[in-house]
C-alpha cells in the first residue's frame, strides 16, 4: 500500500474548524475512499487545538480510526 502521507490532501479543515458540514463531507468521502488524508490549515490551529485534537474529534464523531498524524496533517480510515 502506498504511503498516503506522500499524496495530496483529500480535504482541508479551515478557520471555522470542524463544522457539521465538514464532518458530513468527511463521512461521505470515507465511504468512497479510505484512507483519507486531511490537512488542518494554520488558520484552524490554536493554542488549544492542533491536528491531533482534530483527528481525535473526527474519530469520535465518525467512528473511524487514525492511521497517523504528521505536522498539521492526519490520515484516517474506516
Foldseek 3Di string as FASTA:
>chain_A
DDDCVVDDAPEEAELVGDDPVNLVVVLVVLVVDPWGKYFYDPNNDDPVDALVNSQVVSCVVRVWAWPDDDHRMTIIHD
